[in-house]
Amino acid sequence: AGIGLATAKALYSEGVNVAMSTTGYAYAARNQERLDQAVA
């Protein structure tokens, strides 16, 4: 989400291969859903 997602989109659009991660073990399930949506 936020700046991290915007950065990933911008770099990917320029041809850069992007690997994304998220933080917060307690929110792992929610964050995984957010990462899946970000990739989509």
Full PDB file with SEQRES, HELIX, SHEET, SSBOND, CRYST1, ORIGX, SCALE, CONECT and MASTER records, all heavy atoms in Angstrom:
SEQRES   1 A   40  ALA GLY ILE GLY LEU ALA THR ALA LYS ALA LEU TYR SER          
SEQRES   2 A   40  GLU GLY VAL ASN VAL ALA MET SER THR THR GLY TYR ALA          
SEQRES   3 A   40  TYR ALA ALA ARG ASN GLN GLU ARG LEU ASP GLN ALA VAL          
SEQRES   4 A   40  ALA                                                          
HELIX    1 AA1 GLY A    2  SER A   13  1                                  12    
HELIX    2 AA2 TYR A   25  TYR A   27  5                                   3    
HELIX    3 AA3 ALA A   28  VAL A   39  1                                  12    
CRYST1    1.000    1.000    1.000  90.00  90.00  90.00 P 1           1          
ORIGX1      1.000000  0.000000  0.000000        0.00000                         
ORIGX2      0.000000  1.000000  0.000000        0.00000                         
ORIGX3      0.000000  0.000000  1.000000        0.00000                         
SCALE1      1.000000  0.000000  0.000000        0.00000                         
SCALE2      0.000000  1.000000  0.000000        0.00000                         
SCALE3      0.000000  0.000000  1.000000        0.00000                         
ATOM      1  N   ALA A   1       0.839  -1.205   0.000  1.00  0.00           N  
ATOM      2  CA  ALA A   1       0.000   0.000   0.000  1.00  0.00           C  
ATOM      3  C   ALA A   1       0.871   1.251   0.000  1.00  0.00           C  
ATOM      4  O   ALA A   1       2.080   1.185   0.211  1.00  0.00           O  
ATOM      5  CB  ALA A   1      -0.907   0.013   1.233  1.00  0.00           C  
ATOM      6  N   GLY A   2       0.232   2.364  -0.239  1.00  0.00           N  
ATOM      7  CA  GLY A   2       0.868   3.672  -0.081  1.00  0.00           C  
ATOM      8  C   GLY A   2       2.071   3.902  -0.975  1.00  0.00           C  
ATOM      9  O   GLY A   2       2.087   3.522  -2.147  1.00  0.00           O  
ATOM     10  N   ILE A   3       3.102   4.514  -0.414  1.00  0.00           N  
ATOM     11  CA  ILE A   3       4.301   4.880  -1.168  1.00  0.00           C  
ATOM     12  C   ILE A   3       5.023   3.649  -1.701  1.00  0.00           C  
ATOM     13  O   ILE A   3       5.531   3.653  -2.820  1.00  0.00           O  
ATOM     14  CB  ILE A   3       5.247   5.737  -0.291  1.00  0.00           C  
ATOM     15  CG1 ILE A   3       4.583   7.074   0.009  1.00  0.00           C  
ATOM     16  CG2 ILE A   3       6.600   5.926  -0.973  1.00  0.00           C  
ATOM     17  CD1 ILE A   3       5.312   7.914   1.027  1.00  0.00           C  
ATOM     18  N   GLY A   4       5.055   2.581  -0.903  1.00  0.00           N  
ATOM     19  CA  GLY A   4       5.704   1.347  -1.364  1.00  0.00           C  
ATOM     20  C   GLY A   4       5.041   0.799  -2.612  1.00  0.00           C  
ATOM     21  O   GLY A   4       5.712   0.409  -3.574  1.00  0.00           O  
ATOM     22  N   LEU A   5       3.717   0.762  -2.628  1.00  0.00           N  
ATOM     23  CA  LEU A   5       2.982   0.274  -3.799  1.00  0.00           C  
ATOM     24  C   LEU A   5       3.189   1.202  -4.989  1.00  0.00           C  
ATOM     25  O   LEU A   5       3.429   0.744  -6.106  1.00  0.00           O  
ATOM     26  CB  LEU A   5       1.497   0.136  -3.473  1.00  0.00           C  
ATOM     27  CG  LEU A   5       0.591  -0.313  -4.614  1.00  0.00           C  
ATOM     28  CD1 LEU A   5       1.049  -1.648  -5.196  1.00  0.00           C  
ATOM     29  CD2 LEU A   5      -0.851  -0.403  -4.132  1.00  0.00           C  
ATOM     30  N   ALA A   6       3.145   2.489  -4.762  1.00  0.00           N  
ATOM     31  CA  ALA A   6       3.357   3.452  -5.855  1.00  0.00           C  
ATOM     32  C   ALA A   6       4.769   3.309  -6.430  1.00  0.00           C  
ATOM     33  O   ALA A   6       4.962   3.373  -7.653  1.00  0.00           O  
ATOM     34  CB  ALA A   6       3.122   4.876  -5.356  1.00  0.00           C  
ATOM     35  N   THR A   7       5.744   3.107  -5.563  1.00  0.00           N  
ATOM     36  CA  THR A   7       7.122   2.914  -6.010  1.00  0.00           C  
ATOM     37  C   THR A   7       7.244   1.640  -6.834  1.00  0.00           C  
ATOM     38  O   THR A   7       7.879   1.629  -7.895  1.00  0.00           O  
ATOM     39  CB  THR A   7       8.077   2.854  -4.800  1.00  0.00           C  
ATOM     40  OG1 THR A   7       7.971   4.081  -4.071  1.00  0.00           O  
ATOM     41  CG2 THR A   7       9.514   2.648  -5.227  1.00  0.00           C  
ATOM     42  N   ALA A   8       6.631   0.566  -6.359  1.00  0.00           N  
ATOM     43  CA  ALA A   8       6.670  -0.700  -7.095  1.00  0.00           C  
ATOM     44  C   ALA A   8       6.051  -0.547  -8.477  1.00  0.00           C  
ATOM     45  O   ALA A   8       6.603  -1.020  -9.469  1.00  0.00           O  
ATOM     46  CB  ALA A   8       5.947  -1.789  -6.298  1.00  0.00           C  
ATOM     47  N   LYS A   9       4.914   0.113  -8.562  1.00  0.00           N  
ATOM     48  CA  LYS A   9       4.248   0.331  -9.854  1.00  0.00           C  
ATOM     49  C   LYS A   9       5.130   1.146 -10.795  1.00  0.00           C  
ATOM     50  O   LYS A   9       5.269   0.819 -11.971  1.00  0.00           O  
ATOM     51  CB  LYS A   9       2.919   1.052  -9.667  1.00  0.00           C  
ATOM     52  CG  LYS A   9       1.820   0.178  -9.139  1.00  0.00           C  
ATOM     53  CD  LYS A   9       0.519   0.974  -9.019  1.00  0.00           C  
ATOM     54  CE  LYS A   9      -0.617   0.123  -8.516  1.00  0.00           C  
ATOM     55  NZ  LYS A   9      -1.868   0.888  -8.403  1.00  0.00           N  
ATOM     56  N   ALA A  10       5.723   2.211 -10.266  1.00  0.00           N  
ATOM     57  CA  ALA A  10       6.555   3.080 -11.104  1.00  0.00           C  
ATOM     58  C   ALA A  10       7.779   2.330 -11.627  1.00  0.00           C  
ATOM     59  O   ALA A  10       8.112   2.421 -12.813  1.00  0.00           O  
ATOM     60  CB  ALA A  10       6.974   4.315 -10.315  1.00  0.00           C  
ATOM     61  N   LEU A  11       8.450   1.601 -10.758  1.00  0.00           N  
ATOM     62  CA  LEU A  11       9.640   0.857 -11.182  1.00  0.00           C  
ATOM     63  C   LEU A  11       9.279  -0.240 -12.170  1.00  0.00           C  
ATOM     64  O   LEU A  11       9.958  -0.426 -13.183  1.00  0.00           O  
ATOM     65  CB  LEU A  11      10.363   0.274  -9.969  1.00  0.00           C  
ATOM     66  CG  LEU A  11      11.033   1.283  -9.040  1.00  0.00           C  
ATOM     67  CD1 LEU A  11      11.550   0.602  -7.779  1.00  0.00           C  
ATOM     68  CD2 LEU A  11      12.169   1.997  -9.757  1.00  0.00           C  
ATOM     69  N   TYR A  12       8.210  -0.969 -11.888  1.00  0.00           N  
ATOM     70  CA  TYR A  12       7.790  -2.050 -12.777  1.00  0.00           C  
ATOM     71  C   TYR A  12       7.437  -1.515 -14.158  1.00  0.00           C  
ATOM     72  O   TYR A  12       7.751  -2.131 -15.169  1.00  0.00           O  
ATOM     73  CB  TYR A  12       6.613  -2.801 -12.160  1.00  0.00           C  
ATOM     74  CG  TYR A  12       6.256  -4.064 -12.891  1.00  0.00           C  
ATOM     75  CD1 TYR A  12       7.003  -5.224 -12.708  1.00  0.00           C  
ATOM     76  CD2 TYR A  12       5.167  -4.103 -13.757  1.00  0.00           C  
ATOM     77  CE1 TYR A  12       6.676  -6.387 -13.381  1.00  0.00           C  
ATOM     78  CE2 TYR A  12       4.828  -5.267 -14.430  1.00  0.00           C  
ATOM     79  CZ  TYR A  12       5.586  -6.409 -14.243  1.00  0.00           C  
ATOM     80  OH  TYR A  12       5.256  -7.550 -14.919  1.00  0.00           O  
ATOM     81  N   SER A  13       6.797  -0.362 -14.206  1.00  0.00           N  
ATOM     82  CA  SER A  13       6.428   0.221 -15.502  1.00  0.00           C  
ATOM     83  C   SER A  13       7.651   0.628 -16.312  1.00  0.00           C  
ATOM     84  O   SER A  13       7.583   0.749 -17.529  1.00  0.00           O  
ATOM     85  CB  SER A  13       5.499   1.422 -15.317  1.00  0.00           C  
ATOM     86  OG  SER A  13       6.203   2.523 -14.789  1.00  0.00           O  
ATOM     87  N   GLU A  14       8.795   0.812 -15.633  1.00  0.00           N  
ATOM     88  CA  GLU A  14      10.045   1.166 -16.306  1.00  0.00           C  
ATOM     89  C   GLU A  14      10.872  -0.066 -16.669  1.00  0.00           C  
ATOM     90  O   GLU A  14      12.011   0.055 -17.102  1.00  0.00           O  
ATOM     91  CB  GLU A  14      10.877   2.094 -15.409  1.00  0.00           C  
ATOM     92  CG  GLU A  14      10.240   3.449 -15.179  1.00  0.00           C  
ATOM     93  CD  GLU A  14      10.150   4.273 -16.454  1.00  0.00           C  
ATOM     94  OE1 GLU A  14      11.083   4.201 -17.280  1.00  0.00           O  
ATOM     95  OE2 GLU A  14       9.142   4.966 -16.626  1.00  0.00           O  
ATOM     96  N   GLY A  15      10.313  -1.261 -16.438  1.00  0.00           N  
ATOM     97  CA  GLY A  15      11.008  -2.482 -16.814  1.00  0.00           C  
ATOM     98  C   GLY A  15      11.830  -3.120 -15.712  1.00  0.00           C  
ATOM     99  O   GLY A  15      12.568  -4.066 -15.959  1.00  0.00           O  
ATOM    100  N   VAL A  16      11.726  -2.599 -14.514  1.00  0.00           N  
ATOM    101  CA  VAL A  16      12.467  -3.145 -13.377  1.00  0.00           C  
ATOM    102  C   VAL A  16      11.693  -4.324 -12.799  1.00  0.00           C  
ATOM    103  O   VAL A  16      10.480  -4.244 -12.608  1.00  0.00           O  
ATOM    104  CB  VAL A  16      12.676  -2.058 -12.288  1.00  0.00           C  
ATOM    105  CG1 VAL A  16      13.352  -2.628 -11.063  1.00  0.00           C  
ATOM    106  CG2 VAL A  16      13.468  -0.890 -12.851  1.00  0.00           C  
ATOM    107  N   ASN A  17      12.381  -5.430 -12.530  1.00  0.00           N  
ATOM    108  CA  ASN A  17      11.749  -6.555 -11.842  1.00  0.00           C  
ATOM    109  C   ASN A  17      11.598  -6.183 -10.375  1.00  0.00           C  
ATOM    110  O   ASN A  17      12.537  -5.690  -9.752  1.00  0.00           O  
ATOM    111  CB  ASN A  17      12.585  -7.820 -11.972  1.00  0.00           C  
ATOM    112  CG  ASN A  17      12.544  -8.366 -13.379  1.00  0.00           C  
ATOM    113  OD1 ASN A  17      11.517  -8.344 -14.025  1.00  0.00           O  
ATOM    114  ND2 ASN A  17      13.672  -8.837 -13.850  1.00  0.00           N  
ATOM    115  N   VAL A  18      10.413  -6.408  -9.837  1.00  0.00           N  
ATOM    116  CA  VAL A  18      10.098  -5.944  -8.489  1.00  0.00           C  
ATOM    117  C   VAL A  18       9.741  -7.121  -7.591  1.00  0.00           C  
ATOM    118  O   VAL A  18       8.950  -7.983  -7.978  1.00  0.00           O  
ATOM    119  CB  VAL A  18       8.912  -4.946  -8.536  1.00  0.00           C  
ATOM    120  CG1 VAL A  18       8.480  -4.543  -7.148  1.00  0.00           C  
ATOM    121  CG2 VAL A  18       9.289  -3.715  -9.355  1.00  0.00           C  
ATOM    122  N   ALA A  19      10.331  -7.130  -6.396  1.00  0.00           N  
ATOM    123  CA  ALA A  19       9.938  -8.061  -5.331  1.00  0.00           C  
ATOM    124  C   ALA A  19       9.395  -7.203  -4.200  1.00  0.00           C  
ATOM    125  O   ALA A  19      10.014  -6.212  -3.819  1.00  0.00           O  
ATOM    126  CB  ALA A  19      11.126  -8.877  -4.855  1.00  0.00           C  
ATOM    127  N   MET A  20       8.215  -7.548  -3.701  1.00  0.00           N  
ATOM    128  CA  MET A  20       7.586  -6.747  -2.653  1.00  0.00           C  
ATOM    129  C   MET A  20       7.449  -7.560  -1.378  1.00  0.00           C  
ATOM    130  O   MET A  20       7.256  -8.768  -1.421  1.00  0.00           O  
ATOM    131  CB  MET A  20       6.204  -6.272  -3.089  1.00  0.00           C  
ATOM    132  CG  MET A  20       6.228  -5.362  -4.278  1.00  0.00           C  
ATOM    133  SD  MET A  20       4.602  -4.726  -4.717  1.00  0.00           S  
ATOM    134  CE  MET A  20       3.664  -6.193  -5.000  1.00  0.00           C  
ATOM    135  N   SER A  21       7.539  -6.867  -0.264  1.00  0.00           N  
ATOM    136  CA  SER A  21       7.280  -7.501   1.027  1.00  0.00           C  
ATOM    137  C   SER A  21       6.440  -6.552   1.858  1.00  0.00           C  
ATOM    138  O   SER A  21       6.264  -5.385   1.522  1.00  0.00           O  
ATOM    139  CB  SER A  21       8.582  -7.814   1.756  1.00  0.00           C  
ATOM    140  OG  SER A  21       9.200  -6.618   2.184  1.00  0.00           O  
ATOM    141  N   THR A  22       5.925  -7.085   2.932  1.00  0.00           N  
ATOM    142  CA  THR A  22       5.150  -6.282   3.854  1.00  0.00           C  
ATOM    143  C   THR A  22       5.616  -6.600   5.269  1.00  0.00           C  
ATOM    144  O   THR A  22       6.341  -7.552   5.473  1.00  0.00           O  
ATOM    145  CB  THR A  22       3.641  -6.533   3.668  1.00  0.00           C  
ATOM    146  OG1 THR A  22       2.915  -5.600   4.439  1.00  0.00           O  
ATOM    147  CG2 THR A  22       3.261  -7.939   4.040  1.00  0.00           C  
ATOM    148  N   THR A  23       5.237  -5.794   6.208  1.00  0.00           N  
ATOM    149  CA  THR A  23       5.684  -5.995   7.574  1.00  0.00           C  
ATOM    150  C   THR A  23       4.500  -6.337   8.469  1.00  0.00           C  
ATOM    151  O   THR A  23       3.353  -6.193   8.081  1.00  0.00           O  
ATOM    152  CB  THR A  23       6.365  -4.722   8.110  1.00  0.00           C  
ATOM    153  OG1 THR A  23       5.427  -3.648   8.022  1.00  0.00           O  
ATOM    154  CG2 THR A  23       7.609  -4.379   7.307  1.00  0.00           C  
ATOM    155  N   GLY A  24       4.794  -6.781   9.642  1.00  0.00           N  
ATOM    156  CA  GLY A  24       3.741  -7.011  10.619  1.00  0.00           C  
ATOM    157  C   GLY A  24       3.249  -8.439  10.663  1.00  0.00           C  
ATOM    158  O   GLY A  24       2.266  -8.781  10.022  1.00  0.00           O  
ATOM    159  N   TYR A  25       3.951  -9.285  11.391  1.00  0.00           N  
ATOM    160  CA  TYR A  25       3.575 -10.691  11.513  1.00  0.00           C  
ATOM    161  C   TYR A  25       2.129 -10.840  11.990  1.00  0.00           C  
ATOM    162  O   TYR A  25       1.401 -11.703  11.526  1.00  0.00           O  
ATOM    163  CB  TYR A  25       4.533 -11.407  12.462  1.00  0.00           C  
ATOM    164  CG  TYR A  25       4.194 -12.854  12.669  1.00  0.00           C  
ATOM    165  CD1 TYR A  25       4.511 -13.787  11.690  1.00  0.00           C  
ATOM    166  CD2 TYR A  25       3.547 -13.286  13.817  1.00  0.00           C  
ATOM    167  CE1 TYR A  25       4.196 -15.117  11.851  1.00  0.00           C  
ATOM    168  CE2 TYR A  25       3.226 -14.616  13.994  1.00  0.00           C  
ATOM    169  CZ  TYR A  25       3.558 -15.536  13.012  1.00  0.00           C  
ATOM    170  OH  TYR A  25       3.240 -16.849  13.179  1.00  0.00           O  
ATOM    171  N   ALA A  26       1.701  -9.990  12.883  1.00  0.00           N  
ATOM    172  CA  ALA A  26       0.343 -10.091  13.431  1.00  0.00           C  
ATOM    173  C   ALA A  26      -0.724  -9.868  12.359  1.00  0.00           C  
ATOM    174  O   ALA A  26      -1.852 -10.326  12.505  1.00  0.00           O  
ATOM    175  CB  ALA A  26       0.158  -9.087  14.562  1.00  0.00           C  
ATOM    176  N   TYR A  27      -0.372  -9.198  11.298  1.00  0.00           N  
ATOM    177  CA  TYR A  27      -1.328  -8.891  10.236  1.00  0.00           C  
ATOM    178  C   TYR A  27      -0.996  -9.653   8.950  1.00  0.00           C  
ATOM    179  O   TYR A  27      -1.356  -9.223   7.868  1.00  0.00           O  
ATOM    180  CB  TYR A  27      -1.338  -7.394   9.956  1.00  0.00           C  
ATOM    181  CG  TYR A  27      -1.627  -6.571  11.183  1.00  0.00           C  
ATOM    182  CD1 TYR A  27      -0.626  -5.864  11.816  1.00  0.00           C  
ATOM    183  CD2 TYR A  27      -2.910  -6.536  11.717  1.00  0.00           C  
ATOM    184  CE1 TYR A  27      -0.897  -5.113  12.959  1.00  0.00           C  
ATOM    185  CE2 TYR A  27      -3.184  -5.798  12.859  1.00  0.00           C  
ATOM    186  CZ  TYR A  27      -2.168  -5.088  13.469  1.00  0.00           C  
ATOM    187  OH  TYR A  27      -2.441  -4.362  14.593  1.00  0.00           O  
ATOM    188  N   ALA A  28      -0.323 -10.775   9.087  1.00  0.00           N  
ATOM    189  CA  ALA A  28       0.185 -11.502   7.922  1.00  0.00           C  
ATOM    190  C   ALA A  28      -0.912 -11.849   6.920  1.00  0.00           C  
ATOM    191  O   ALA A  28      -0.741 -11.657   5.718  1.00  0.00           O  
ATOM    192  CB  ALA A  28       0.926 -12.755   8.356  1.00  0.00           C  
ATOM    193  N   ALA A  29      -2.054 -12.355   7.372  1.00  0.00           N  
ATOM    194  CA  ALA A  29      -3.120 -12.744   6.439  1.00  0.00           C  
ATOM    195  C   ALA A  29      -3.660 -11.536   5.685  1.00  0.00           C  
ATOM    196  O   ALA A  29      -3.818 -11.581   4.465  1.00  0.00           O  
ATOM    197  CB  ALA A  29      -4.245 -13.443   7.193  1.00  0.00           C  
ATOM    198  N   ARG A  30      -3.924 -10.457   6.398  1.00  0.00           N  
ATOM    199  CA  ARG A  30      -4.428  -9.250   5.739  1.00  0.00           C  
ATOM    200  C   ARG A  30      -3.388  -8.705   4.767  1.00  0.00           C  
ATOM    201  O   ARG A  30      -3.721  -8.332   3.642  1.00  0.00           O  
ATOM    202  CB  ARG A  30      -4.774  -8.184   6.769  1.00  0.00           C  
ATOM    203  CG  ARG A  30      -5.341  -6.919   6.115  1.00  0.00           C  
ATOM    204  CD  ARG A  30      -5.389  -5.760   7.049  1.00  0.00           C  
ATOM    205  NE  ARG A  30      -4.013  -5.340   7.294  1.00  0.00           N  
ATOM    206  CZ  ARG A  30      -3.666  -4.376   8.113  1.00  0.00           C  
ATOM    207  NH1 ARG A  30      -4.580  -3.756   8.812  1.00  0.00           N  
ATOM    208  NH2 ARG A  30      -2.420  -4.039   8.283  1.00  0.00           N  
ATOM    209  N   ASN A  31      -2.129  -8.677   5.196  1.00  0.00           N  
ATOM    210  CA  ASN A  31      -1.085  -8.139   4.339  1.00  0.00           C  
ATOM    211  C   ASN A  31      -0.853  -9.016   3.115  1.00  0.00           C  
ATOM    212  O   ASN A  31      -0.548  -8.507   2.040  1.00  0.00           O  
ATOM    213  CB  ASN A  31       0.204  -7.945   5.121  1.00  0.00           C  
ATOM    214  CG  ASN A  31       0.118  -6.781   6.089  1.00  0.00           C  
ATOM    215  OD1 ASN A  31      -0.719  -5.897   5.925  1.00  0.00           O  
ATOM    216  ND2 ASN A  31       0.952  -6.772   7.091  1.00  0.00           N  
ATOM    217  N   GLN A  32      -0.999 -10.326   3.259  1.00  0.00           N  
ATOM    218  CA  GLN A  32      -0.859 -11.207   2.100  1.00  0.00           C  
ATOM    219  C   GLN A  32      -1.945 -10.898   1.079  1.00  0.00           C  
ATOM    220  O   GLN A  32      -1.680 -10.848  -0.121  1.00  0.00           O  
ATOM    221  CB  GLN A  32      -0.924 -12.679   2.513  1.00  0.00           C  
ATOM    222  CG  GLN A  32      -0.711 -13.626   1.334  1.00  0.00           C  
ATOM    223  CD  GLN A  32       0.639 -13.440   0.680  1.00  0.00           C  
ATOM    224  OE1 GLN A  32       1.667 -13.487   1.358  1.00  0.00           O  
ATOM    225  NE2 GLN A  32       0.658 -13.203  -0.615  1.00  0.00           N  
ATOM    226  N   GLU A  33      -3.151 -10.678   1.534  1.00  0.00           N  
ATOM    227  CA  GLU A  33      -4.237 -10.305   0.625  1.00  0.00           C  
ATOM    228  C   GLU A  33      -3.921  -8.988  -0.075  1.00  0.00           C  
ATOM    229  O   GLU A  33      -4.159  -8.836  -1.275  1.00  0.00           O  
ATOM    230  CB  GLU A  33      -5.552 -10.194   1.382  1.00  0.00           C  
ATOM    231  CG  GLU A  33      -6.092 -11.517   1.880  1.00  0.00           C  
ATOM    232  CD  GLU A  33      -7.293 -11.367   2.798  1.00  0.00           C  
ATOM    233  OE1 GLU A  33      -7.779 -10.233   2.982  1.00  0.00           O  
ATOM    234  OE2 GLU A  33      -7.740 -12.389   3.325  1.00  0.00           O  
ATOM    235  N   ARG A  34      -3.363  -8.035   0.672  1.00  0.00           N  
ATOM    236  CA  ARG A  34      -3.014  -6.735   0.085  1.00  0.00           C  
ATOM    237  C   ARG A  34      -1.896  -6.891  -0.936  1.00  0.00           C  
ATOM    238  O   ARG A  34      -1.920  -6.253  -1.992  1.00  0.00           O  
ATOM    239  CB  ARG A  34      -2.628  -5.744   1.181  1.00  0.00           C  
ATOM    240  CG  ARG A  34      -3.822  -5.363   2.056  1.00  0.00           C  
ATOM    241  CD  ARG A  34      -3.399  -4.525   3.214  1.00  0.00           C  
ATOM    242  NE  ARG A  34      -3.331  -3.128   2.783  1.00  0.00           N  
ATOM    243  CZ  ARG A  34      -2.994  -2.136   3.588  1.00  0.00           C  
ATOM    244  NH1 ARG A  34      -2.702  -2.372   4.853  1.00  0.00           N  
ATOM    245  NH2 ARG A  34      -2.960  -0.910   3.133  1.00  0.00           N  
ATOM    246  N   LEU A  35      -0.900  -7.743  -0.643  1.00  0.00           N  
ATOM    247  CA  LEU A  35       0.178  -7.971  -1.597  1.00  0.00           C  
ATOM    248  C   LEU A  35      -0.351  -8.655  -2.859  1.00  0.00           C  
ATOM    249  O   LEU A  35       0.042  -8.293  -3.967  1.00  0.00           O  
ATOM    250  CB  LEU A  35       1.291  -8.818  -0.977  1.00  0.00           C  
ATOM    251  CG  LEU A  35       2.285  -8.064  -0.109  1.00  0.00           C  
ATOM    252  CD1 LEU A  35       3.228  -9.048   0.567  1.00  0.00           C  
ATOM    253  CD2 LEU A  35       3.072  -7.040  -0.912  1.00  0.00           C  
ATOM    254  N   ASP A  36      -1.231  -9.635  -2.687  1.00  0.00           N  
ATOM    255  CA  ASP A  36      -1.822 -10.293  -3.851  1.00  0.00           C  
ATOM    256  C   ASP A  36      -2.559  -9.290  -4.728  1.00  0.00           C  
ATOM    257  O   ASP A  36      -2.450  -9.316  -5.953  1.00  0.00           O  
ATOM    258  CB  ASP A  36      -2.781 -11.408  -3.412  1.00  0.00           C  
ATOM    259  CG  ASP A  36      -2.064 -12.595  -2.774  1.00  0.00           C  
ATOM    260  OD1 ASP A  36      -0.829 -12.722  -2.942  1.00  0.00           O  
ATOM    261  OD2 ASP A  36      -2.754 -13.381  -2.101  1.00  0.00           O  
ATOM    262  N   GLN A  37      -3.300  -8.386  -4.109  1.00  0.00           N  
ATOM    263  CA  GLN A  37      -4.018  -7.355  -4.863  1.00  0.00           C  
ATOM    264  C   GLN A  37      -3.041  -6.390  -5.520  1.00  0.00           C  
ATOM    265  O   GLN A  37      -3.238  -5.967  -6.667  1.00  0.00           O  
ATOM    266  CB  GLN A  37      -4.981  -6.586  -3.960  1.00  0.00           C  
ATOM    267  CG  GLN A  37      -5.823  -5.570  -4.706  1.00  0.00           C  
ATOM    268  CD  GLN A  37      -6.660  -6.185  -5.803  1.00  0.00           C  
ATOM    269  OE1 GLN A  37      -7.386  -7.143  -5.568  1.00  0.00           O  
ATOM    270  NE2 GLN A  37      -6.549  -5.666  -7.013  1.00  0.00           N  
ATOM    271  N   ALA A  38      -1.958  -6.051  -4.822  1.00  0.00           N  
ATOM    272  CA  ALA A  38      -0.946  -5.152  -5.389  1.00  0.00           C  
ATOM    273  C   ALA A  38      -0.322  -5.771  -6.635  1.00  0.00           C  
ATOM    274  O   ALA A  38      -0.134  -5.087  -7.642  1.00  0.00           O  
ATOM    275  CB  ALA A  38       0.122  -4.834  -4.344  1.00  0.00           C  
ATOM    276  N   VAL A  39      -0.006  -7.058  -6.572  1.00  0.00           N  
ATOM    277  CA  VAL A  39       0.563  -7.742  -7.737  1.00  0.00           C  
ATOM    278  C   VAL A  39      -0.432  -7.709  -8.898  1.00  0.00           C  
ATOM    279  O   VAL A  39      -0.061  -7.426 -10.033  1.00  0.00           O  
ATOM    280  CB  VAL A  39       0.958  -9.193  -7.385  1.00  0.00           C  
ATOM    281  CG1 VAL A  39       1.301 -10.000  -8.630  1.00  0.00           C  
ATOM    282  CG2 VAL A  39       2.130  -9.185  -6.412  1.00  0.00           C  
ATOM    283  N   ALA A  40      -1.689  -7.966  -8.613  1.00  0.00           N  
ATOM    284  CA  ALA A  40      -2.719  -7.918  -9.656  1.00  0.00           C  
ATOM    285  C   ALA A  40      -2.826  -6.520 -10.261  1.00  0.00           C  
ATOM    286  O   ALA A  40      -3.039  -6.371 -11.471  1.00  0.00           O  
ATOM    287  CB  ALA A  40      -4.063  -8.356  -9.088  1.00  0.00           C  
TER     288      ALA A  40                                                      
MASTER        0    0    0    3    0    0    0    6  287    1    0    4          
END                                                                             
